[in-house]
Structure formats: structure tokens, C-alpha cells
Amino acid sequence: MFTLHKTCPKTAARSGTLKTPHGEIQTPIFMPVGTQGTVKSVHPTELEALEAQIILGNTYHLFVRPGLEIMREAGGLHAFANWNKPILTDSGGYQVFSLARLRKITEEGCHFSNHVDGSPMFLGPETAMEAQAVLGSDIAMLFDECPPYPCDAAYASKSLDLTMRWARRCRDWIDQHQPMTGGQRQLHFGIIQGSVYRELRERAAREMVALGFDGYAIGGVSVGETEAEMMSVAEWVCPLLPENQARYAMGLGTPPQMIELIARGVDMFDCVLPTRVARNGTAFTAQGTMSLRNACFAKDFRPIAEDTHPLVKGFSRAYIRHLIQTNEILGLRLITLHNLHFYLSLAAKARAAIQQGCFAEFRADFVAGYQTKNTDTTETE
């Protein structure tokens, strides 16, 4: 399933190929977020033009609406969304704990009132795996509890114990039902929790690997901890994960964070930032973020960046600012396309640098040139 091609001699960065039922994915890779079954404002053919290899959908949101009955009748998420390439689905655990009202966590799972109309619902390990089987994603995530930040070691340990018990139930459900998608076996990734505590993260990694999944994700990051703590978690966990399986950092992050985590051995990323900040008129560039609402762009007839995507290149900063100022939908669409291209091409450049043996230099140049601002990385769309 995952073939490791090359590793960086100066860092832990690696390039590889992940085979899924709906196609191969070259890593490191960024996955555009399509929470509701769509990457906001972007047509599937545009995603293909951007060279998106895989997109992400969210079980919680699709479970709430349109619901599993409609998804089943539609033939799964690929058919429903008219997307024929790979899809990864989050289990919904994070959204239950961050969005749902009146939630009650028990050994069984989580009873909650959904955020749309307050109606009572339930998600647990078996329910989440069944839902993802109905969605037919190529990669399904296990159901877990994401501990809040900050939390003390006792809470984090208790939370991890619950996540591991749920992981074993997910494993049992998978073994019993053998879910398929695209005529092949659906892949399943375990999630490593443990907050910012090294002993817990390392225990989680060892125990999750022992259960034998197709890949492993680092969960519970970018939830309020410092960037140094985030990087430490990756440094603790990645060396304990199998070399021949993919590693995924969930819900991350800014462009420099992505490059730094690639340097620590992470292969896969998703983040709502490219699409979310686009709706506020903000574009990503190699020098940092650019707010096109600013008056200084009113007569700036250059493209957002020289290496923007061809779909965007013919439009000037001045024109896009005009669209944003007048609330024209094309404005946010153009910035969204640009931002997705920026993230996807950044992953592609990192991939090429690893293959060419110059990732360490690429990393240093990019991080030095990027002016980090207070970009909010909260995982909501």
C-alpha cells in the first residue's frame, strides 16, 4: 500500500507512494478539505486542474446531513460528489467534541445534540466505521476522543485509555465486516493521541501500531498548544511508526508548519486555512499572507503571485480586490484556487526536493523567506 522511495539524508523527510482503491497518491501530500462533501466553491474539474490527488470529507457533517440513508442510495461519497479520485474521511470524533451540543461521552460512544437542529444523535466506534463504509472513502479514520488543551496528565491518560479501547472495537468491526470501496479493501488509519505528554504519545504509538492498521495519524494537535509542543509530538511519535506505512498530521497547518513536519517524517496533511482565509480576502504567498482588502492593492495590476495557477494568472490584485470589496463570488473563488494551488504546489516542491536530495536546503530557504503572522489554524470551515 505504501512504498517508501527516498529519505532526506539530513532530516526525517521522506517521499513515497500510497496506493488506495481509487488511485495512487504521491507523498508528501496536502489534502484539500471538503467537509460537507465539497471543497468550498471549487468544481471537481478545477480540483483536478490544481492536481489535487485526494480530498478530505467529514463523517460527522455528512452523518448529520444529508444522512447515511441518502449517502447509501447515492452509492457513496465518490458518486454523490462526482469525484473519482481518493477520499479520506475523518471519523467525526473531533467534530463531536468541538461542535456538538449537550454531548455525553460514555464507554459506548458519544451521545450528542447535533449543531444543526439540536436533534439527538449517537456516534461510537462501530457507528463511525459503518458510516465511513457507507461513504466509501478510500481511507477511513478510527473513532477517537480528542482531549482538550490544556489538560493534565491524568485526564490525558484516561482519555487515551478510552481512545485505545475504541480503537480495538474499530479493529474488531473492520475484521468482521471487511468494508470495500472501488472494488478493493477500504484502508483504515489509527490515530495517536496523548496530548503534550511524551510518555502517553509513545505508549499510544506502540499500542496503536500493535493493532495493525494501514497507516497512522497524529491527532490532537493544533488545538491550542505551542508550535514547539506540536513539533515535539511529531518528533516523539514518527520514529515509533512503521517506515512502510503512511503518516498523517491531522488538521495542520500553516505553510512553514507543513514543511517543518515533513522534515520530521510526516507524509500527509489537511487544513481548512486555504479555503477559509480566502473568504476573508487573504492569499498565501511564499513571503507570507497577503490581505487583498488592503487599499495598497487598489491599483496593483500584477497577479497575486507569478507562480499562481493558470486559472488565476489573468486576474490582477486590483481586480480581485474589487471583487472582494463588492462581495462578488468570483473574488473568493479566485483566491481559493490560488491558495489551494499554493499548498498543493508547496507539497509538490517538497516532494521534488526530497527526491533530488536537497530538501534541507529547500526547507531552510522557504522557512526563512516566509513571514509568519498570527494566522488562526482552528479547524473549522
Protein backbone atom coordinates (compact mmCIF):
# COMPACT_ATOMS: atom_id res chain seq x y z
CA MET A 1 0.00 0.00 0.00
CA PHE A 2 2.75 2.49 0.93
CA THR A 3 6.09 2.36 -0.85
CA LEU A 4 8.92 4.47 0.54
CA HIS A 5 11.01 5.90 -2.29
CA LYS A 6 13.57 8.19 -0.72
CA THR A 7 14.53 9.76 2.59
CA CYS A 8 16.40 13.01 3.20
CA PRO A 9 19.93 12.38 4.50
CA LYS A 10 19.80 15.48 6.76
CA THR A 11 16.23 15.30 8.08
CA ALA A 12 13.49 12.70 8.55
CA ALA A 13 11.66 13.87 5.38
CA ARG A 14 10.55 11.12 3.01
CA SER A 15 8.80 10.64 -0.31
CA GLY A 16 6.61 7.70 -1.20
CA THR A 17 3.54 6.34 -2.95
CA LEU A 18 0.33 5.39 -1.15
CA LYS A 19 -1.92 3.04 -3.14
CA THR A 20 -5.65 3.37 -2.49
CA PRO A 21 -8.72 1.82 -4.17
CA HIS A 22 -9.33 4.99 -6.21
CA GLY A 23 -5.75 5.76 -7.18
CA GLU A 24 -2.17 6.32 -6.11
CA ILE A 25 -1.04 9.29 -4.00
CA GLN A 26 2.46 10.70 -4.16
CA THR A 27 3.68 11.91 -0.77
CA PRO A 28 4.29 14.30 0.92
CA ILE A 29 0.80 15.48 0.04
CA PHE A 30 -1.67 18.18 1.03
CA MET A 31 -5.36 17.18 1.04
CA PRO A 32 -7.93 19.93 0.36
CA VAL A 33 -10.74 19.82 2.91
CA GLY A 34 -14.23 19.06 1.65
CA THR A 35 -16.06 18.90 4.97
CA GLN A 36 -19.58 18.78 3.53
CA GLY A 37 -18.60 16.63 0.56
CA THR A 38 -17.26 19.60 -1.41
CA VAL A 39 -14.15 21.75 -1.31
CA LYS A 40 -15.85 25.09 -0.81
CA SER A 41 -16.63 26.88 -4.11
CA VAL A 42 -14.39 24.59 -6.20
CA HIS A 43 -15.64 22.33 -9.02
CA PRO A 44 -14.16 18.80 -9.19
CA THR A 45 -12.62 19.54 -12.59
CA GLU A 46 -10.90 22.56 -11.06
CA LEU A 47 -9.52 20.36 -8.30
CA GLU A 48 -8.12 18.08 -10.98
CA ALA A 49 -6.60 21.08 -12.75
CA LEU A 50 -4.96 22.01 -9.43
CA GLU A 51 -3.54 18.45 -9.35
CA ALA A 52 -5.28 17.54 -6.11
CA GLN A 53 -4.59 13.84 -5.57
CA ILE A 54 -7.01 13.28 -2.68
CA ILE A 55 -9.62 15.28 -0.78
CA LEU A 56 -10.99 15.00 2.73
CA GLY A 57 -14.62 14.58 3.81
CA ASN A 58 -16.03 14.61 7.33
CA THR A 59 -18.16 11.82 8.73
CA TYR A 60 -19.84 13.95 11.40
CA HIS A 61 -21.13 16.56 8.95
CA LEU A 62 -22.26 14.01 6.36
CA PHE A 63 -23.79 11.85 9.10
CA VAL A 64 -25.85 14.86 10.26
CA ARG A 65 -26.83 15.85 6.72
CA PRO A 66 -27.70 14.57 4.23
CA GLY A 67 -27.52 11.42 6.38
CA LEU A 68 -26.46 7.85 5.72
CA GLU A 69 -29.69 6.78 4.04
CA ILE A 70 -29.20 9.30 1.25
CA MET A 71 -25.48 8.57 1.05
CA ARG A 72 -26.21 4.85 0.71
CA GLU A 73 -28.79 5.41 -2.03
CA ALA A 74 -26.36 7.75 -3.83
CA GLY A 75 -23.79 4.97 -3.97
CA GLY A 76 -21.31 6.60 -1.59
CA LEU A 77 -19.44 9.89 -1.46
CA HIS A 78 -17.47 9.44 -4.69
CA ALA A 79 -20.65 9.16 -6.76
CA PHE A 80 -22.54 11.75 -4.71
CA ALA A 81 -19.77 14.37 -5.10
CA ASN A 82 -18.72 13.41 -8.65
CA TRP A 83 -15.13 12.84 -7.52
CA ASN A 84 -13.36 9.74 -8.81
CA LYS A 85 -10.03 10.13 -7.05
CA PRO A 86 -9.17 9.11 -3.48
CA ILE A 87 -11.07 10.43 -0.46
CA LEU A 88 -10.09 10.33 3.22
CA THR A 89 -12.83 10.68 5.83
CA ASP A 90 -12.32 11.88 9.38
CA SER A 91 -14.24 9.71 11.84
CA GLY A 92 -16.21 12.66 13.20
CA GLY A 93 -14.76 12.37 16.69
CA TYR A 94 -13.15 15.80 16.67
CA GLN A 95 -16.34 17.49 15.45
CA VAL A 96 -18.48 15.73 18.06
CA PHE A 97 -16.24 17.10 20.78
CA SER A 98 -15.86 20.58 19.28
CA LEU A 99 -19.22 21.33 17.60
CA ALA A 100 -21.93 19.16 19.12
CA ARG A 101 -24.17 20.48 21.86
CA LEU A 102 -25.01 18.65 25.08
CA ARG A 103 -22.59 15.81 24.39
CA LYS A 104 -22.14 12.95 26.81
CA ILE A 105 -19.14 10.68 26.43
CA THR A 106 -19.56 7.14 27.70
CA GLU A 107 -17.76 3.86 27.21
CA GLU A 108 -20.27 3.11 24.47
CA GLY A 109 -19.51 6.26 22.47
CA CYS A 110 -20.85 9.79 22.35
CA HIS A 111 -24.47 10.87 22.64
CA PHE A 112 -24.92 14.43 21.42
CA SER A 113 -27.30 17.02 20.07
CA ASN A 114 -26.14 17.97 16.59
CA HIS A 115 -25.14 21.55 15.82
CA VAL A 116 -27.73 22.00 13.03
CA ASP A 117 -31.09 21.44 14.71
CA GLY A 118 -30.21 20.05 18.13
CA SER A 119 -31.69 16.63 17.45
CA PRO A 120 -30.23 13.72 19.47
CA MET A 121 -27.64 11.55 17.73
CA PHE A 122 -25.02 8.96 18.59
CA LEU A 123 -21.56 8.13 17.26
CA GLY A 124 -19.34 5.41 18.59
CA PRO A 125 -16.55 3.23 17.22
CA GLU A 126 -18.82 0.84 15.33
CA THR A 127 -21.19 3.59 14.15
CA ALA A 128 -18.32 5.71 12.85
CA MET A 129 -16.75 2.81 10.97
CA GLU A 130 -20.10 1.79 9.49
CA ALA A 131 -20.76 5.38 8.42
CA GLN A 132 -17.40 5.56 6.65
CA ALA A 133 -18.07 2.23 4.98
CA VAL A 134 -21.32 3.72 3.61
CA LEU A 135 -19.42 6.83 2.48
CA GLY A 136 -16.97 4.52 0.70
CA SER A 137 -13.88 6.60 1.43
CA ASP A 138 -10.51 5.17 0.46
CA ILE A 139 -9.07 5.93 3.90
CA ALA A 140 -11.28 5.80 7.00
CA MET A 141 -10.10 7.14 10.34
CA LEU A 142 -10.73 5.40 13.65
CA PHE A 143 -13.13 6.94 16.17
CA ASP A 144 -11.20 8.63 18.96
CA GLU A 145 -11.51 11.20 21.72
CA CYS A 146 -9.55 14.41 21.17
CA PRO A 147 -8.53 15.74 24.60
CA PRO A 148 -8.72 19.50 25.13
CA TYR A 149 -5.70 21.72 25.57
CA PRO A 150 -4.62 22.31 28.21
CA CYS A 151 -5.38 19.19 30.20
CA ASP A 152 -3.47 17.49 33.00
CA ALA A 153 -1.66 14.20 32.56
CA ALA A 154 -4.31 12.25 34.46
CA TYR A 155 -7.09 13.46 32.14
CA ALA A 156 -4.94 12.83 29.05
CA SER A 157 -4.13 9.31 30.25
CA LYS A 158 -7.79 8.48 30.92
CA SER A 159 -8.74 9.90 27.52
CA LEU A 160 -6.04 7.86 25.79
CA ASP A 161 -7.22 4.69 27.52
CA LEU A 162 -10.71 5.31 26.10
CA THR A 163 -9.32 6.02 22.62
CA MET A 164 -7.39 2.74 22.71
CA ARG A 165 -10.43 0.74 23.82
CA TRP A 166 -12.40 2.35 21.00
CA ALA A 167 -9.55 1.54 18.58
CA ARG A 168 -9.81 -2.15 19.48
CA ARG A 169 -13.55 -2.04 18.84
CA CYS A 170 -12.90 -0.37 15.48
CA ARG A 171 -10.40 -3.13 14.70
CA ASP A 172 -12.97 -5.78 15.59
CA TRP A 173 -15.65 -4.12 13.41
CA ILE A 174 -13.25 -3.88 10.46
CA ASP A 175 -12.21 -7.52 10.80
CA GLN A 176 -15.82 -8.64 10.98
CA HIS A 177 -17.24 -6.57 8.11
CA GLN A 178 -14.23 -6.18 5.74
CA PRO A 179 -15.54 -2.94 4.15
CA MET A 180 -14.81 -2.42 0.46
CA THR A 181 -14.69 0.62 -1.80
CA GLY A 182 -13.97 0.85 -5.50
CA GLY A 183 -13.83 -2.93 -5.62
CA GLN A 184 -10.97 -3.09 -3.13
CA ARG A 185 -10.45 -3.13 0.63
CA GLN A 186 -11.02 0.18 2.39
CA LEU A 187 -7.90 1.43 4.22
CA HIS A 188 -8.02 2.37 7.91
CA PHE A 189 -5.70 4.69 9.84
CA GLY A 190 -5.21 4.65 13.60
CA ILE A 191 -4.97 7.95 15.49
CA ILE A 192 -2.22 8.64 18.03
CA GLN A 193 -3.46 10.74 20.96
CA GLY A 194 -1.86 11.64 24.31
CA SER A 195 -1.90 15.46 24.38
CA VAL A 196 1.54 17.02 25.03
CA TYR A 197 2.81 14.19 27.24
CA ARG A 198 5.68 12.23 25.76
CA GLU A 199 5.08 9.02 27.72
CA LEU A 200 1.43 8.95 26.62
CA ARG A 201 2.20 9.71 22.97
CA GLU A 202 4.84 6.99 22.84
CA ARG A 203 2.54 4.48 24.54
CA ALA A 204 -0.23 5.37 22.12
CA ALA A 205 2.07 4.88 19.12
CA ARG A 206 3.28 1.47 20.29
CA GLU A 207 -0.20 0.19 21.18
CA MET A 208 -1.83 1.52 18.00
CA VAL A 209 0.84 0.01 15.77
CA ALA A 210 0.38 -3.32 17.56
CA LEU A 211 -3.29 -3.31 16.47
CA GLY A 212 -2.14 -3.29 12.85
CA PHE A 213 -3.71 -0.56 10.71
CA ASP A 214 -2.87 0.67 7.19
CA GLY A 215 -1.41 3.97 8.34
CA TYR A 216 -1.23 6.22 11.39
CA ALA A 217 -2.24 9.76 12.17
CA ILE A 218 -1.10 12.24 14.80
CA GLY A 219 -4.29 13.65 16.30
CA GLY A 220 -4.96 16.24 18.97
CA VAL A 221 -2.55 18.85 17.58
CA SER A 222 -3.23 22.46 16.63
CA VAL A 223 -5.77 22.60 19.46
CA GLY A 224 -4.08 25.42 21.38
CA GLU A 225 -0.64 24.06 22.16
CA THR A 226 2.51 25.96 21.21
CA GLU A 227 4.21 25.26 17.90
CA ALA A 228 7.20 23.88 19.81
CA GLU A 229 4.92 21.38 21.56
CA MET A 230 3.37 20.45 18.22
CA MET A 231 6.78 19.72 16.73
CA SER A 232 7.83 17.75 19.80
CA VAL A 233 4.81 15.47 19.43
CA ALA A 234 5.84 14.65 15.86
CA GLU A 235 9.44 14.04 16.98
CA TRP A 236 8.25 11.60 19.64
CA VAL A 237 5.74 9.73 17.51
CA CYS A 238 7.21 9.42 14.00
CA PRO A 239 10.24 7.28 14.95
CA LEU A 240 7.86 4.74 16.51
CA LEU A 241 5.71 4.35 13.38
CA PRO A 242 6.47 1.77 10.66
CA GLU A 243 8.61 3.05 7.81
CA ASN A 244 6.45 1.27 5.25
CA GLN A 245 3.19 2.96 6.24
CA ALA A 246 1.90 6.49 5.71
CA ARG A 247 1.90 9.12 8.48
CA TYR A 248 -0.73 11.83 8.65
CA ALA A 249 -0.81 15.01 10.76
CA MET A 250 -4.48 15.88 11.18
CA GLY A 251 -5.73 19.44 10.67
CA LEU A 252 -2.39 21.15 10.05
CA GLY A 253 -1.38 23.85 9.39
CA THR A 254 0.44 26.95 8.16
CA PRO A 255 2.88 26.53 5.26
CA PRO A 256 6.02 26.60 7.48
CA GLN A 257 4.40 24.12 9.87
CA MET A 258 3.78 21.75 6.98
CA ILE A 259 7.40 21.98 5.84
CA GLU A 260 8.71 21.52 9.39
CA LEU A 261 6.52 18.48 9.93
CA ILE A 262 7.65 16.98 6.62
CA ALA A 263 11.17 17.39 7.97
CA ARG A 264 10.11 15.31 10.99
CA GLY A 265 8.76 12.45 8.88
CA VAL A 266 5.08 13.28 8.25
CA ASP A 267 3.64 12.38 4.83
CA MET A 268 0.06 13.69 4.70
CA PHE A 269 -1.67 16.94 5.72
CA ASP A 270 -5.05 18.61 5.61
CA CYS A 271 -6.09 22.08 6.68
CA VAL A 272 -9.05 24.42 6.16
CA LEU A 273 -6.85 27.53 6.00
CA PRO A 274 -6.50 27.82 2.19
CA THR A 275 -10.26 27.93 1.66
CA ARG A 276 -11.28 29.67 4.86
CA VAL A 277 -8.94 32.67 4.76
CA ALA A 278 -9.73 33.08 1.04
CA ARG A 279 -13.25 34.06 2.03
CA ASN A 280 -11.73 36.91 4.03
CA GLY A 281 -9.70 38.10 1.05
CA THR A 282 -6.38 36.63 2.22
CA ALA A 283 -3.93 34.91 -0.12
CA PHE A 284 -0.89 32.78 0.69
CA THR A 285 2.44 33.61 -0.94
CA ALA A 286 6.00 32.41 -0.43
CA GLN A 287 6.61 35.60 1.56
CA GLY A 288 3.59 35.14 3.85
CA THR A 289 -0.08 36.05 3.73
CA MET A 290 -1.45 38.94 1.67
CA SER A 291 -4.73 40.67 2.54
CA LEU A 292 -6.19 41.80 -0.76
CA ARG A 293 -8.70 44.00 1.07
CA ASN A 294 -5.90 46.46 1.74
CA ALA A 295 -6.08 49.75 -0.16
CA CYS A 296 -2.49 49.39 -1.37
CA PHE A 297 -3.70 46.83 -3.92
CA ALA A 298 -6.34 49.09 -5.48
CA LYS A 299 -4.02 49.95 -8.41
CA ASP A 300 -1.79 46.89 -8.29
CA PHE A 301 -2.22 45.19 -11.66
CA ARG A 302 0.18 42.31 -11.04
CA PRO A 303 -1.13 38.77 -10.46
CA ILE A 304 -1.34 37.55 -6.85
CA ALA A 305 1.97 35.79 -7.49
CA GLU A 306 3.98 34.99 -10.58
CA ASP A 307 3.63 31.25 -9.92
CA THR A 308 -0.12 31.29 -9.30
CA HIS A 309 -2.26 28.76 -11.12
CA PRO A 310 -3.16 29.50 -14.78
CA LEU A 311 -6.84 29.70 -13.78
CA VAL A 312 -5.93 32.75 -11.66
CA LYS A 313 -2.99 34.27 -13.50
CA GLY A 314 -5.00 36.52 -15.82
CA PHE A 315 -6.57 38.41 -12.91
CA SER A 316 -4.80 41.29 -11.18
CA ARG A 317 -4.62 42.04 -7.48
CA ALA A 318 -6.59 45.20 -8.17
CA TYR A 319 -9.37 43.30 -9.89
CA ILE A 320 -9.57 40.64 -7.21
CA ARG A 321 -9.63 43.35 -4.54
CA HIS A 322 -12.51 44.98 -6.41
CA LEU A 323 -14.39 41.67 -6.42
CA ILE A 324 -13.83 41.20 -2.69
CA GLN A 325 -14.88 44.78 -1.91
CA THR A 326 -18.12 44.31 -3.88
CA ASN A 327 -18.84 40.84 -2.45
CA GLU A 328 -18.61 39.16 -5.83
CA ILE A 329 -18.33 35.38 -5.54
CA LEU A 330 -15.61 35.19 -8.20
CA GLY A 331 -13.23 37.03 -5.87
CA LEU A 332 -13.28 34.43 -3.13
CA ARG A 333 -13.19 31.66 -5.74
CA LEU A 334 -10.05 33.05 -7.36
CA ILE A 335 -8.27 33.39 -4.03
CA THR A 336 -9.42 29.90 -3.04
CA LEU A 337 -7.98 28.46 -6.25
CA HIS A 338 -4.75 30.36 -5.72
CA ASN A 339 -4.42 29.24 -2.09
CA LEU A 340 -5.11 25.59 -2.89
CA HIS A 341 -2.55 25.77 -5.69
CA PHE A 342 -0.05 27.29 -3.26
CA TYR A 343 -0.46 24.49 -0.72
CA LEU A 344 -0.55 21.71 -3.30
CA SER A 345 2.48 23.04 -5.17
CA LEU A 346 4.36 23.55 -1.89
CA ALA A 347 3.87 19.85 -1.11
CA ALA A 348 4.96 19.00 -4.67
CA LYS A 349 8.09 21.16 -4.32
CA ALA A 350 8.94 19.47 -1.02
CA ARG A 351 8.42 16.09 -2.70
CA ALA A 352 10.75 17.02 -5.57
CA ALA A 353 13.37 18.39 -3.17
CA ILE A 354 13.38 15.10 -1.22
CA GLN A 355 13.76 13.11 -4.43
CA GLN A 356 16.58 15.40 -5.61
CA GLY A 357 18.40 15.22 -2.28
CA CYS A 358 18.10 18.94 -1.46
CA PHE A 359 15.16 19.07 0.95
CA ALA A 360 17.19 20.50 3.83
CA GLU A 361 18.19 23.49 1.69
CA PHE A 362 14.65 23.90 0.37
CA ARG A 363 13.30 23.85 3.92
CA ALA A 364 15.77 26.45 5.15
CA ASP A 365 15.11 28.80 2.22
CA PHE A 366 11.33 28.54 2.46
CA VAL A 367 11.06 28.97 6.21
CA ALA A 368 13.49 31.90 6.18
CA GLY A 369 11.54 33.66 3.43
CA TYR A 370 8.05 33.16 4.88
CA GLN A 371 6.93 35.96 7.18
CA THR A 372 4.73 34.24 9.78
CA LYS A 373 1.77 36.20 11.03
CA ASN A 374 -0.93 35.31 13.55
CA THR A 375 -2.84 33.03 11.19
CA ASP A 376 -5.60 31.22 13.04
CA THR A 377 -5.35 27.46 12.48
CA THR A 378 -8.56 26.49 14.28
CA GLU A 379 -10.05 23.52 12.46
CA THR A 380 -13.40 24.93 11.34
CA GLU A 381 -14.66 25.95 7.95
